[in-house]
Amino acid sequence: MPAITVENPLTLPKVSAPAPAGDTPAARRVLTTVTAPTGFEGEGFPVRRAFAGINYRHLDPFIMMDQMGEVEYAAGEAKGTPWHPHRGFETVTYLLDGTFVHQDSEGGGGVIRDGDTQWMTAGSGLLHIEAPPEELVVSGGVFHGIQLWVNLPARSKMTNPRYQDIGGGNVKLLTSPDGGALIRLIAGDLNGHSGPGITHTPITLIHATVTAGAELTLPWRPDFNALGYVLAGRGSAGAERRPIELGQAVVFGTEGETITVRADARQDSHAPSLEVILLGGQPIREPMAHYGPFVMNSHAELSQAFEDFQAGRLGRVPATRAK
């Protein structure tokens, strides 16, 4: 799981948690943990549905998140998605291992590799495709990443589409006071530091590597919800040390100024550290009508999205497929 790393995290800026203020609980407690079911997406690549079974009131403004892989393809096996539409939300694809090519009907797109992120604001609508490059299909190789869907508020549903290519080298790297955790801040603000992702909906998105036996406590905005998802390794979450492991999501409560995760002292050789996605956002608290590739505020808006797609108003497939 290469992503972006550094040889000595102690050279990085440190993130410190605030002292408790008054009667406010210092650490958010864990409300629940869930194990992600497995499935297939697109042309058949394996995914874990990270947030399946979690009530939307705990997810808002996030809609869903898939862990794509980790899978090692043999020659000729690598798969992607066919051309498909989106409207009303943003997709965030963060790649830990492998290569993916994105192309959309608005002219956006590019190639992302280890540690890169592609941030697509579908807004008023577009068509796009994600596929492995030809060389990966021919030779095979490891593929591993996540795709997160972030809702847009009603005022931004029909905003112009936008594509952000966030290279792994642009991610803000931070560490815990003892250097036991490497924090990759992809979007949002944390302890006075900002990630490169530009968002319509206020969120924080982090990939943290917590070394065996270490603990990570982060300050957290009081108006944000808080979620975690384990990409690899074993550990615990919250003040009560709720056990968590690969493929499990954790929902933190809303009271408290910090969130905490710990890595077990003993890890598997394949995953020597706890690899965890930590995210939170300001709930939109608006009606949501979601069906397939469209996320709107009403069924009438969903019907309009389907009508616009069928009429070609969400764009046309370019003459050549992304290579």
C-alpha atoms as a PDB file:
ATOM      1  CA  MET A   1       0.000   0.000   0.000  1.00  0.00           C
ATOM      2  CA  PRO A   2       2.443   2.646  -1.181  1.00  0.00           C
ATOM      3  CA  ALA A   3       0.299   5.812  -1.467  1.00  0.00           C
ATOM      4  CA  ILE A   4       2.557   8.718  -0.408  1.00  0.00           C
ATOM      5  CA  THR A   5       4.959   8.246   2.471  1.00  0.00           C
ATOM      6  CA  VAL A   6       8.054   9.746   4.096  1.00  0.00           C
ATOM      7  CA  GLU A   7      11.112   8.129   5.626  1.00  0.00           C
ATOM      8  CA  ASN A   8      10.924  10.098   8.891  1.00  0.00           C
ATOM      9  CA  PRO A   9       7.464  11.416   9.889  1.00  0.00           C
ATOM     10  CA  LEU A  10       9.044  13.449  12.715  1.00  0.00           C
ATOM     11  CA  THR A  11      10.199  15.961  10.089  1.00  0.00           C
ATOM     12  CA  LEU A  12       6.548  16.790   9.319  1.00  0.00           C
ATOM     13  CA  PRO A  13       4.260  19.343  11.010  1.00  0.00           C
ATOM     14  CA  LYS A  14       2.578  17.809  14.060  1.00  0.00           C
ATOM     15  CA  VAL A  15      -1.131  17.714  14.791  1.00  0.00           C
ATOM     16  CA  SER A  16      -2.063  18.103  18.440  1.00  0.00           C
ATOM     17  CA  ALA A  17      -5.457  17.542  20.010  1.00  0.00           C
ATOM     18  CA  PRO A  18      -6.975  20.331  22.126  1.00  0.00           C
ATOM     19  CA  ALA A  19      -7.463  20.069  25.881  1.00  0.00           C
ATOM     20  CA  PRO A  20     -11.089  19.491  26.991  1.00  0.00           C
ATOM     21  CA  ALA A  21     -13.113  22.694  27.271  1.00  0.00           C
ATOM     22  CA  GLY A  22     -15.560  22.884  30.173  1.00  0.00           C
ATOM     23  CA  ASP A  23     -18.017  19.995  30.223  1.00  0.00           C
ATOM     24  CA  THR A  24     -17.454  19.047  26.568  1.00  0.00           C
ATOM     25  CA  PRO A  25     -16.318  15.412  26.267  1.00  0.00           C
ATOM     26  CA  ALA A  26     -12.730  15.212  25.026  1.00  0.00           C
ATOM     27  CA  ALA A  27     -13.198  12.199  22.756  1.00  0.00           C
ATOM     28  CA  ARG A  28     -16.128  11.170  20.604  1.00  0.00           C
ATOM     29  CA  ARG A  29     -17.494   7.776  21.454  1.00  0.00           C
ATOM     30  CA  VAL A  30     -18.192   5.075  18.900  1.00  0.00           C
ATOM     31  CA  LEU A  31     -21.855   4.646  18.020  1.00  0.00           C
ATOM     32  CA  THR A  32     -21.439   1.520  15.906  1.00  0.00           C
ATOM     33  CA  THR A  33     -19.150  -0.472  13.659  1.00  0.00           C
ATOM     34  CA  VAL A  34     -20.253  -2.311  10.521  1.00  0.00           C
ATOM     35  CA  THR A  35     -18.558  -4.823   8.236  1.00  0.00           C
ATOM     36  CA  ALA A  36     -18.658  -3.924   4.551  1.00  0.00           C
ATOM     37  CA  PRO A  37     -20.298  -6.471   2.248  1.00  0.00           C
ATOM     38  CA  THR A  38     -18.469  -7.343  -0.961  1.00  0.00           C
ATOM     39  CA  GLY A  39     -19.753  -6.934  -4.511  1.00  0.00           C
ATOM     40  CA  PHE A  40     -18.751  -5.969  -8.032  1.00  0.00           C
ATOM     41  CA  GLU A  41     -18.833  -2.641  -9.857  1.00  0.00           C
ATOM     42  CA  GLY A  42     -18.555  -1.522 -13.465  1.00  0.00           C
ATOM     43  CA  GLU A  43     -17.303  -4.282 -15.734  1.00  0.00           C
ATOM     44  CA  GLY A  44     -16.684  -6.545 -12.766  1.00  0.00           C
ATOM     45  CA  PHE A  45     -13.992  -5.225 -10.450  1.00  0.00           C
ATOM     46  CA  PRO A  46     -14.421  -6.279  -6.792  1.00  0.00           C
ATOM     47  CA  VAL A  47     -15.460  -3.724  -4.163  1.00  0.00           C
ATOM     48  CA  ARG A  48     -16.333  -3.515  -0.482  1.00  0.00           C
ATOM     49  CA  ARG A  49     -19.381  -1.302   0.189  1.00  0.00           C
ATOM     50  CA  ALA A  50     -17.879   0.604   3.095  1.00  0.00           C
ATOM     51  CA  PHE A  51     -21.013   2.378   4.346  1.00  0.00           C
ATOM     52  CA  ALA A  52     -23.644  -0.275   3.617  1.00  0.00           C
ATOM     53  CA  GLY A  53     -26.020  -0.628   6.549  1.00  0.00           C
ATOM     54  CA  ILE A  54     -25.254   2.793   8.069  1.00  0.00           C
ATOM     55  CA  ASN A  55     -28.228   5.123   8.450  1.00  0.00           C
ATOM     56  CA  TYR A  56     -27.942   8.151   6.186  1.00  0.00           C
ATOM     57  CA  ARG A  57     -28.348  10.537   9.116  1.00  0.00           C
ATOM     58  CA  HIS A  58     -24.863   9.431  10.219  1.00  0.00           C
ATOM     59  CA  LEU A  59     -23.379   9.718   6.691  1.00  0.00           C
ATOM     60  CA  ASP A  60     -24.718  13.082   5.473  1.00  0.00           C
ATOM     61  CA  PRO A  61     -23.138  14.705   3.408  1.00  0.00           C
ATOM     62  CA  PHE A  62     -21.532  11.454   2.194  1.00  0.00           C
ATOM     63  CA  ILE A  63     -23.616   9.070   0.114  1.00  0.00           C
ATOM     64  CA  MET A  64     -21.476   5.964  -0.276  1.00  0.00           C
ATOM     65  CA  MET A  65     -17.876   4.773  -0.371  1.00  0.00           C
ATOM     66  CA  ASP A  66     -16.375   1.732  -2.099  1.00  0.00           C
ATOM     67  CA  GLN A  67     -13.026   0.147  -1.383  1.00  0.00           C
ATOM     68  CA  MET A  68     -11.897  -0.981  -4.845  1.00  0.00           C
ATOM     69  CA  GLY A  69      -9.731  -4.081  -4.458  1.00  0.00           C
ATOM     70  CA  GLU A  70      -7.128  -4.726  -3.137  1.00  0.00           C
ATOM     71  CA  VAL A  71      -6.834  -7.130  -6.074  1.00  0.00           C
ATOM     72  CA  GLU A  72      -3.939  -8.450  -8.134  1.00  0.00           C
ATOM     73  CA  TYR A  73      -4.998  -8.870 -11.738  1.00  0.00           C
ATOM     74  CA  ALA A  74      -3.486 -11.432 -14.051  1.00  0.00           C
ATOM     75  CA  ALA A  75      -2.733 -10.393 -17.623  1.00  0.00           C
ATOM     76  CA  GLY A  76      -5.962  -9.531 -19.424  1.00  0.00           C
ATOM     77  CA  GLU A  77      -8.101  -9.378 -16.268  1.00  0.00           C
ATOM     78  CA  ALA A  78      -8.064  -5.690 -15.302  1.00  0.00           C
ATOM     79  CA  LYS A  79     -11.493  -4.058 -15.573  1.00  0.00           C
ATOM     80  CA  GLY A  80     -13.038  -0.622 -15.327  1.00  0.00           C
ATOM     81  CA  THR A  81     -16.446   0.955 -15.909  1.00  0.00           C
ATOM     82  CA  PRO A  82     -18.388   1.623 -19.122  1.00  0.00           C
ATOM     83  CA  TRP A  83     -19.471   5.165 -20.019  1.00  0.00           C
ATOM     84  CA  HIS A  84     -22.149   6.289 -17.547  1.00  0.00           C
ATOM     85  CA  PRO A  85     -23.845   9.518 -16.406  1.00  0.00           C
ATOM     86  CA  HIS A  86     -23.819  11.429 -13.108  1.00  0.00           C
ATOM     87  CA  ARG A  87     -25.691  14.451 -11.796  1.00  0.00           C
ATOM     88  CA  GLY A  88     -26.054  16.179  -8.435  1.00  0.00           C
ATOM     89  CA  PHE A  89     -22.948  15.114  -6.484  1.00  0.00           C
ATOM     90  CA  GLU A  90     -19.163  14.702  -6.505  1.00  0.00           C
ATOM     91  CA  THR A  91     -17.071  11.554  -6.947  1.00  0.00           C
ATOM     92  CA  VAL A  92     -13.682  11.314  -5.272  1.00  0.00           C
ATOM     93  CA  THR A  93     -11.357   8.536  -6.460  1.00  0.00           C
ATOM     94  CA  TYR A  94      -8.236   8.035  -4.320  1.00  0.00           C
ATOM     95  CA  LEU A  95      -5.785   5.483  -5.634  1.00  0.00           C
ATOM     96  CA  LEU A  96      -3.383   3.687  -3.308  1.00  0.00           C
ATOM     97  CA  ASP A  97      -1.916   1.201  -5.750  1.00  0.00           C
ATOM     98  CA  GLY A  98      -2.143   0.846  -9.518  1.00  0.00           C
ATOM     99  CA  THR A  99      -3.187   3.167 -12.341  1.00  0.00           C
ATOM    100  CA  PHE A 100      -6.586   4.432 -13.506  1.00  0.00           C
ATOM    101  CA  VAL A 101      -7.571   6.576 -16.476  1.00  0.00           C
ATOM    102  CA  HIS A 102     -10.516   8.993 -16.289  1.00  0.00           C
ATOM    103  CA  GLN A 103     -12.254  10.699 -19.189  1.00  0.00           C
ATOM    104  CA  ASP A 104     -15.487  12.697 -19.234  1.00  0.00           C
ATOM    105  CA  SER A 105     -17.755  14.347 -21.777  1.00  0.00           C
ATOM    106  CA  GLU A 106     -16.728  17.832 -20.576  1.00  0.00           C
ATOM    107  CA  GLY A 107     -13.107  17.285 -21.612  1.00  0.00           C
ATOM    108  CA  GLY A 108     -11.853  16.581 -18.102  1.00  0.00           C
ATOM    109  CA  GLY A 109      -9.737  13.646 -17.125  1.00  0.00           C
ATOM    110  CA  GLY A 110      -6.280  12.250 -16.723  1.00  0.00           C
ATOM    111  CA  VAL A 111      -4.244   9.410 -15.309  1.00  0.00           C
ATOM    112  CA  ILE A 112      -3.970   8.808 -11.572  1.00  0.00           C
ATOM    113  CA  ARG A 113      -1.416   6.586  -9.883  1.00  0.00           C
ATOM    114  CA  ASP A 114      -0.253   5.659  -6.375  1.00  0.00           C
ATOM    115  CA  GLY A 115      -1.445   8.344  -3.945  1.00  0.00           C
ATOM    116  CA  ASP A 116      -3.227  10.498  -6.558  1.00  0.00           C
ATOM    117  CA  THR A 117      -6.829  11.684  -6.310  1.00  0.00           C
ATOM    118  CA  GLN A 118      -9.307  12.626  -9.018  1.00  0.00           C
ATOM    119  CA  TRP A 119     -12.147  14.832  -7.822  1.00  0.00           C
ATOM    120  CA  MET A 120     -15.056  15.111 -10.228  1.00  0.00           C
ATOM    121  CA  THR A 121     -17.938  17.483  -9.576  1.00  0.00           C
ATOM    122  CA  ALA A 122     -20.759  16.115 -11.718  1.00  0.00           C
ATOM    123  CA  GLY A 123     -23.028  19.043 -10.878  1.00  0.00           C
ATOM    124  CA  SER A 124     -25.538  19.609 -13.684  1.00  0.00           C
ATOM    125  CA  GLY A 125     -24.428  16.380 -15.322  1.00  0.00           C
ATOM    126  CA  LEU A 126     -21.889  14.658 -17.537  1.00  0.00           C
ATOM    127  CA  LEU A 127     -20.822  11.276 -18.827  1.00  0.00           C
ATOM    128  CA  HIS A 128     -17.580   9.661 -17.728  1.00  0.00           C
ATOM    129  CA  ILE A 129     -15.562   6.488 -17.869  1.00  0.00           C
ATOM    130  CA  GLU A 130     -12.867   5.008 -15.641  1.00  0.00           C
ATOM    131  CA  ALA A 131     -10.620   2.264 -16.927  1.00  0.00           C
ATOM    132  CA  PRO A 132      -7.198   0.714 -16.359  1.00  0.00           C
ATOM    133  CA  PRO A 133      -4.554   1.765 -18.894  1.00  0.00           C
ATOM    134  CA  GLU A 134      -3.758  -0.605 -21.720  1.00  0.00           C
ATOM    135  CA  GLU A 135      -0.408  -1.606 -20.195  1.00  0.00           C
ATOM    136  CA  LEU A 136      -2.099  -2.762 -16.966  1.00  0.00           C
ATOM    137  CA  VAL A 137      -4.602  -4.822 -18.932  1.00  0.00           C
ATOM    138  CA  VAL A 138      -1.777  -6.441 -20.887  1.00  0.00           C
ATOM    139  CA  SER A 139       0.620  -7.124 -18.009  1.00  0.00           C
ATOM    140  CA  GLY A 140      -1.669  -7.368 -14.981  1.00  0.00           C
ATOM    141  CA  GLY A 141      -0.824  -5.907 -11.586  1.00  0.00           C
ATOM    142  CA  VAL A 142      -2.171  -4.691  -8.252  1.00  0.00           C
ATOM    143  CA  PHE A 143      -5.133  -2.317  -8.074  1.00  0.00           C
ATOM    144  CA  HIS A 144      -6.393  -0.711  -4.857  1.00  0.00           C
ATOM    145  CA  GLY A 145      -8.266   2.486  -4.064  1.00  0.00           C
ATOM    146  CA  ILE A 146     -11.462   4.054  -2.810  1.00  0.00           C
ATOM    147  CA  GLN A 147     -14.283   5.963  -4.438  1.00  0.00           C
ATOM    148  CA  LEU A 148     -16.329   8.324  -2.294  1.00  0.00           C
ATOM    149  CA  TRP A 149     -19.574  10.052  -3.293  1.00  0.00           C
ATOM    150  CA  VAL A 150     -20.172  13.476  -1.705  1.00  0.00           C
ATOM    151  CA  ASN A 151     -23.610  15.069  -1.923  1.00  0.00           C
ATOM    152  CA  LEU A 152     -24.127  18.608  -3.183  1.00  0.00           C
ATOM    153  CA  PRO A 153     -26.598  20.983  -1.516  1.00  0.00           C
ATOM    154  CA  ALA A 154     -29.634  22.017  -3.559  1.00  0.00           C
ATOM    155  CA  ARG A 155     -28.049  25.361  -4.439  1.00  0.00           C
ATOM    156  CA  SER A 156     -25.097  23.551  -6.068  1.00  0.00           C
ATOM    157  CA  LYS A 157     -26.859  20.591  -7.711  1.00  0.00           C
ATOM    158  CA  MET A 158     -26.780  22.229 -11.146  1.00  0.00           C
ATOM    159  CA  THR A 159     -23.346  23.821 -10.878  1.00  0.00           C
ATOM    160  CA  ASN A 160     -21.025  23.472 -13.844  1.00  0.00           C
ATOM    161  CA  PRO A 161     -19.060  20.197 -13.901  1.00  0.00           C
ATOM    162  CA  ARG A 162     -15.468  20.417 -12.656  1.00  0.00           C
ATOM    163  CA  TYR A 163     -12.492  18.061 -12.589  1.00  0.00           C
ATOM    164  CA  GLN A 164      -9.600  18.274 -10.124  1.00  0.00           C
ATOM    165  CA  ASP A 165      -6.449  16.225 -10.608  1.00  0.00           C
ATOM    166  CA  ILE A 166      -4.746  16.101  -7.191  1.00  0.00           C
ATOM    167  CA  GLY A 167      -1.288  14.578  -7.430  1.00  0.00           C
ATOM    168  CA  GLY A 168      -0.107  12.633  -4.414  1.00  0.00           C
ATOM    169  CA  GLY A 169       2.779  15.070  -4.016  1.00  0.00           C
ATOM    170  CA  ASN A 170       0.277  17.892  -3.382  1.00  0.00           C
ATOM    171  CA  VAL A 171      -1.409  16.179  -0.435  1.00  0.00           C
ATOM    172  CA  LYS A 172      -0.626  17.832   2.905  1.00  0.00           C
ATOM    173  CA  LEU A 173       1.492  15.487   5.039  1.00  0.00           C
ATOM    174  CA  LEU A 174       1.279  15.711   8.827  1.00  0.00           C
ATOM    175  CA  THR A 175       2.122  13.515  11.799  1.00  0.00           C
ATOM    176  CA  SER A 176       1.110  12.845  15.395  1.00  0.00           C
ATOM    177  CA  PRO A 177       3.197  14.319  18.250  1.00  0.00           C
ATOM    178  CA  ASP A 178       5.249  11.120  18.648  1.00  0.00           C
ATOM    179  CA  GLY A 179       5.596  10.469  14.905  1.00  0.00           C
ATOM    180  CA  GLY A 180       3.637   7.229  15.189  1.00  0.00           C
ATOM    181  CA  ALA A 181       1.115   8.185  12.501  1.00  0.00           C
ATOM    182  CA  LEU A 182       1.419   9.599   9.004  1.00  0.00           C
ATOM    183  CA  ILE A 183      -1.575  11.788   8.118  1.00  0.00           C
ATOM    184  CA  ARG A 184      -2.381  12.527   4.474  1.00  0.00           C
ATOM    185  CA  LEU A 185      -4.810  15.452   4.368  1.00  0.00           C
ATOM    186  CA  ILE A 186      -6.535  15.241   0.984  1.00  0.00           C
ATOM    187  CA  ALA A 187      -9.287  17.803   1.563  1.00  0.00           C
ATOM    188  CA  GLY A 188     -10.498  20.100   4.297  1.00  0.00           C
ATOM    189  CA  ASP A 189      -8.806  21.737   7.275  1.00  0.00           C
ATOM    190  CA  LEU A 190      -7.082  20.083  10.207  1.00  0.00           C
ATOM    191  CA  ASN A 191      -5.379  21.892  13.077  1.00  0.00           C
ATOM    192  CA  GLY A 192      -4.620  24.927  10.900  1.00  0.00           C
ATOM    193  CA  HIS A 193      -3.511  22.912   7.866  1.00  0.00           C
ATOM    194  CA  SER A 194      -5.425  22.625   4.583  1.00  0.00           C
ATOM    195  CA  GLY A 195      -5.663  19.833   2.024  1.00  0.00           C
ATOM    196  CA  PRO A 196      -5.610  20.569  -1.716  1.00  0.00           C
ATOM    197  CA  GLY A 197      -9.124  19.331  -2.558  1.00  0.00           C
ATOM    198  CA  ILE A 198     -11.610  22.129  -3.327  1.00  0.00           C
ATOM    199  CA  THR A 199     -15.066  21.172  -2.107  1.00  0.00           C
ATOM    200  CA  HIS A 200     -18.589  22.562  -2.526  1.00  0.00           C
ATOM    201  CA  THR A 201     -19.640  20.842   0.701  1.00  0.00           C
ATOM    202  CA  PRO A 202     -17.396  21.428   3.760  1.00  0.00           C
ATOM    203  CA  ILE A 203     -15.640  18.119   4.517  1.00  0.00           C
ATOM    204  CA  THR A 204     -12.376  16.678   5.818  1.00  0.00           C
ATOM    205  CA  LEU A 205     -10.817  13.648   4.099  1.00  0.00           C
ATOM    206  CA  ILE A 206      -7.735  11.892   5.521  1.00  0.00           C
ATOM    207  CA  HIS A 207      -5.775   8.709   4.887  1.00  0.00           C
ATOM    208  CA  ALA A 208      -3.783   7.844   8.012  1.00  0.00           C
ATOM    209  CA  THR A 209      -1.138   5.174   8.534  1.00  0.00           C
ATOM    210  CA  VAL A 210      -0.845   4.326  12.233  1.00  0.00           C
ATOM    211  CA  THR A 211       2.181   2.200  13.081  1.00  0.00           C
ATOM    212  CA  ALA A 212       1.789  -0.906  15.244  1.00  0.00           C
ATOM    213  CA  GLY A 213       1.100   0.032  18.870  1.00  0.00           C
ATOM    214  CA  ALA A 214       0.639   3.754  18.124  1.00  0.00           C
ATOM    215  CA  GLU A 215      -2.376   5.998  18.774  1.00  0.00           C
ATOM    216  CA  LEU A 216      -3.717   8.885  16.724  1.00  0.00           C
ATOM    217  CA  THR A 217      -5.972  11.550  18.230  1.00  0.00           C
ATOM    218  CA  LEU A 218      -7.160  14.315  15.916  1.00  0.00           C
ATOM    219  CA  PRO A 219      -9.044  17.532  16.664  1.00  0.00           C
ATOM    220  CA  TRP A 220     -12.429  17.459  14.960  1.00  0.00           C
ATOM    221  CA  ARG A 221     -14.806  20.245  14.002  1.00  0.00           C
ATOM    222  CA  PRO A 222     -17.829  20.177  16.334  1.00  0.00           C
ATOM    223  CA  ASP A 223     -20.251  20.755  13.421  1.00  0.00           C
ATOM    224  CA  PHE A 224     -18.863  17.778  11.452  1.00  0.00           C
ATOM    225  CA  ASN A 225     -19.885  14.154  11.712  1.00  0.00           C
ATOM    226  CA  ALA A 226     -17.020  11.634  11.943  1.00  0.00           C
ATOM    227  CA  LEU A 227     -16.499   8.298  10.195  1.00  0.00           C
ATOM    228  CA  GLY A 228     -13.647   5.879   9.722  1.00  0.00           C
ATOM    229  CA  TYR A 229     -12.957   2.939   7.446  1.00  0.00           C
ATOM    230  CA  VAL A 230     -10.160   0.380   7.768  1.00  0.00           C
ATOM    231  CA  LEU A 231      -8.269  -0.279   4.532  1.00  0.00           C
ATOM    232  CA  ALA A 232      -5.793  -2.672   6.159  1.00  0.00           C
ATOM    233  CA  GLY A 233      -4.612  -3.837   9.570  1.00  0.00           C
ATOM    234  CA  ARG A 234      -6.271  -4.082  12.968  1.00  0.00           C
ATOM    235  CA  GLY A 235      -6.849  -1.660  15.816  1.00  0.00           C
ATOM    236  CA  SER A 236      -9.478   0.095  17.869  1.00  0.00           C
ATOM    237  CA  ALA A 237     -11.493   3.311  17.816  1.00  0.00           C
ATOM    238  CA  GLY A 238     -12.819   5.742  20.385  1.00  0.00           C
ATOM    239  CA  ALA A 239     -12.198   6.142  24.087  1.00  0.00           C
ATOM    240  CA  GLU A 240     -13.792   2.729  24.663  1.00  0.00           C
ATOM    241  CA  ARG A 241     -11.306   1.017  22.294  1.00  0.00           C
ATOM    242  CA  ARG A 242     -13.899  -0.590  20.019  1.00  0.00           C
ATOM    243  CA  PRO A 243     -12.074  -3.232  17.908  1.00  0.00           C
ATOM    244  CA  ILE A 244     -11.836  -2.502  14.166  1.00  0.00           C
ATOM    245  CA  GLU A 245     -10.212  -4.378  11.293  1.00  0.00           C
ATOM    246  CA  LEU A 246      -9.967  -4.572   7.508  1.00  0.00           C
ATOM    247  CA  GLY A 247     -13.303  -3.901   5.824  1.00  0.00           C
ATOM    248  CA  GLN A 248     -15.007  -2.323   8.841  1.00  0.00           C
ATOM    249  CA  ALA A 249     -16.463   1.170   9.124  1.00  0.00           C
ATOM    250  CA  VAL A 250     -16.804   3.051  12.402  1.00  0.00           C
ATOM    251  CA  VAL A 251     -19.397   5.734  13.158  1.00  0.00           C
ATOM    252  CA  PHE A 252     -18.401   8.221  15.860  1.00  0.00           C
ATOM    253  CA  GLY A 253     -20.895  10.181  17.913  1.00  0.00           C
ATOM    254  CA  THR A 254     -21.425  13.909  17.494  1.00  0.00           C
ATOM    255  CA  GLU A 255     -20.351  15.056  20.977  1.00  0.00           C
ATOM    256  CA  GLY A 256     -16.687  15.716  21.576  1.00  0.00           C
ATOM    257  CA  GLU A 257     -13.739  17.615  20.184  1.00  0.00           C
ATOM    258  CA  THR A 258     -11.496  14.737  19.083  1.00  0.00           C
ATOM    259  CA  ILE A 259     -11.533  11.341  17.405  1.00  0.00           C
ATOM    260  CA  THR A 260      -9.080   8.560  18.266  1.00  0.00           C
ATOM    261  CA  VAL A 261      -7.877   5.408  16.533  1.00  0.00           C
ATOM    262  CA  ARG A 262      -5.179   2.981  17.685  1.00  0.00           C
ATOM    263  CA  ALA A 263      -3.198   0.282  15.906  1.00  0.00           C
ATOM    264  CA  ASP A 264      -2.833  -3.093  17.592  1.00  0.00           C
ATOM    265  CA  ALA A 265       0.698  -3.901  18.656  1.00  0.00           C
ATOM    266  CA  ARG A 266       0.610  -7.097  16.586  1.00  0.00           C
ATOM    267  CA  GLN A 267      -0.227  -6.821  12.889  1.00  0.00           C
ATOM    268  CA  ASP A 268      -0.031  -9.189   9.923  1.00  0.00           C
ATOM    269  CA  SER A 269       3.114  -9.144   7.792  1.00  0.00           C
ATOM    270  CA  HIS A 270       0.991  -8.213   4.767  1.00  0.00           C
ATOM    271  CA  ALA A 271      -0.375  -5.158   6.593  1.00  0.00           C
ATOM    272  CA  PRO A 272       2.167  -4.028   9.223  1.00  0.00           C
ATOM    273  CA  SER A 273       0.213  -0.854  10.124  1.00  0.00           C
ATOM    274  CA  LEU A 274      -3.372   0.272  10.569  1.00  0.00           C
ATOM    275  CA  GLU A 275      -4.432   1.998   7.339  1.00  0.00           C
ATOM    276  CA  VAL A 276      -7.594   4.015   7.884  1.00  0.00           C
ATOM    277  CA  ILE A 277      -9.683   6.581   6.022  1.00  0.00           C
ATOM    278  CA  LEU A 278     -11.024   9.260   8.393  1.00  0.00           C
ATOM    279  CA  LEU A 279     -13.667  11.635   7.104  1.00  0.00           C
ATOM    280  CA  GLY A 280     -16.326  14.012   8.258  1.00  0.00           C
ATOM    281  CA  GLY A 281     -18.476  16.800   6.927  1.00  0.00           C
ATOM    282  CA  GLN A 282     -21.107  19.369   7.643  1.00  0.00           C
ATOM    283  CA  PRO A 283     -24.502  17.670   7.210  1.00  0.00           C
ATOM    284  CA  ILE A 284     -26.619  19.169   4.424  1.00  0.00           C
ATOM    285  CA  ARG A 285     -29.914  18.129   6.054  1.00  0.00           C
ATOM    286  CA  GLU A 286     -31.972  18.325   2.869  1.00  0.00           C
ATOM    287  CA  PRO A 287     -34.272  15.731   1.287  1.00  0.00           C
ATOM    288  CA  MET A 288     -32.299  13.301  -0.882  1.00  0.00           C
ATOM    289  CA  ALA A 289     -33.653  11.360  -3.848  1.00  0.00           C
ATOM    290  CA  HIS A 290     -31.031   8.877  -5.043  1.00  0.00           C
ATOM    291  CA  TYR A 291     -31.311   6.381  -7.855  1.00  0.00           C
ATOM    292  CA  GLY A 292     -28.319   4.896  -9.636  1.00  0.00           C
ATOM    293  CA  PRO A 293     -26.029   7.638 -10.978  1.00  0.00           C
ATOM    294  CA  PHE A 294     -28.257  10.567  -9.976  1.00  0.00           C
ATOM    295  CA  VAL A 295     -28.542  12.220  -6.536  1.00  0.00           C
ATOM    296  CA  MET A 296     -31.164  14.955  -6.384  1.00  0.00           C
ATOM    297  CA  ASN A 297     -33.602  16.478  -3.892  1.00  0.00           C
ATOM    298  CA  SER A 298     -36.885  15.140  -5.279  1.00  0.00           C
ATOM    299  CA  HIS A 299     -38.294  12.379  -7.467  1.00  0.00           C
ATOM    300  CA  ALA A 300     -39.321  15.021 -10.008  1.00  0.00           C
ATOM    301  CA  GLU A 301     -35.659  16.078 -10.288  1.00  0.00           C
ATOM    302  CA  LEU A 302     -34.647  12.433 -10.695  1.00  0.00           C
ATOM    303  CA  SER A 303     -37.137  12.035 -13.537  1.00  0.00           C
ATOM    304  CA  GLN A 304     -35.750  15.172 -15.167  1.00  0.00           C
ATOM    305  CA  ALA A 305     -32.194  13.809 -14.859  1.00  0.00           C
ATOM    306  CA  PHE A 306     -33.182  10.575 -16.641  1.00  0.00           C
ATOM    307  CA  GLU A 307     -35.008  12.542 -19.321  1.00  0.00           C
ATOM    308  CA  ASP A 308     -32.006  14.828 -19.863  1.00  0.00           C
ATOM    309  CA  PHE A 309     -29.667  11.814 -20.066  1.00  0.00           C
ATOM    310  CA  GLN A 310     -31.828  10.035 -22.632  1.00  0.00           C
ATOM    311  CA  ALA A 311     -32.058  13.230 -24.677  1.00  0.00           C
ATOM    312  CA  GLY A 312     -28.273  13.594 -24.708  1.00  0.00           C
ATOM    313  CA  ARG A 313     -28.279  16.755 -22.597  1.00  0.00           C
ATOM    314  CA  LEU A 314     -25.701  15.320 -20.148  1.00  0.00           C
ATOM    315  CA  GLY A 315     -23.119  15.110 -22.911  1.00  0.00           C
ATOM    316  CA  ARG A 316     -22.044  12.780 -25.684  1.00  0.00           C
ATOM    317  CA  VAL A 317     -19.504   9.985 -25.631  1.00  0.00           C
ATOM    318  CA  PRO A 318     -16.328  11.249 -27.341  1.00  0.00           C
ATOM    319  CA  ALA A 319     -15.297   9.542 -30.547  1.00  0.00           C
ATOM    320  CA  THR A 320     -12.371   7.714 -28.912  1.00  0.00           C
ATOM    321  CA  ARG A 321     -12.149   5.917 -25.582  1.00  0.00           C
ATOM    322  CA  ALA A 322      -9.553   6.946 -23.017  1.00  0.00           C
ATOM    323  CA  LYS A 323      -6.244   5.130 -23.422  1.00  0.00           C
END
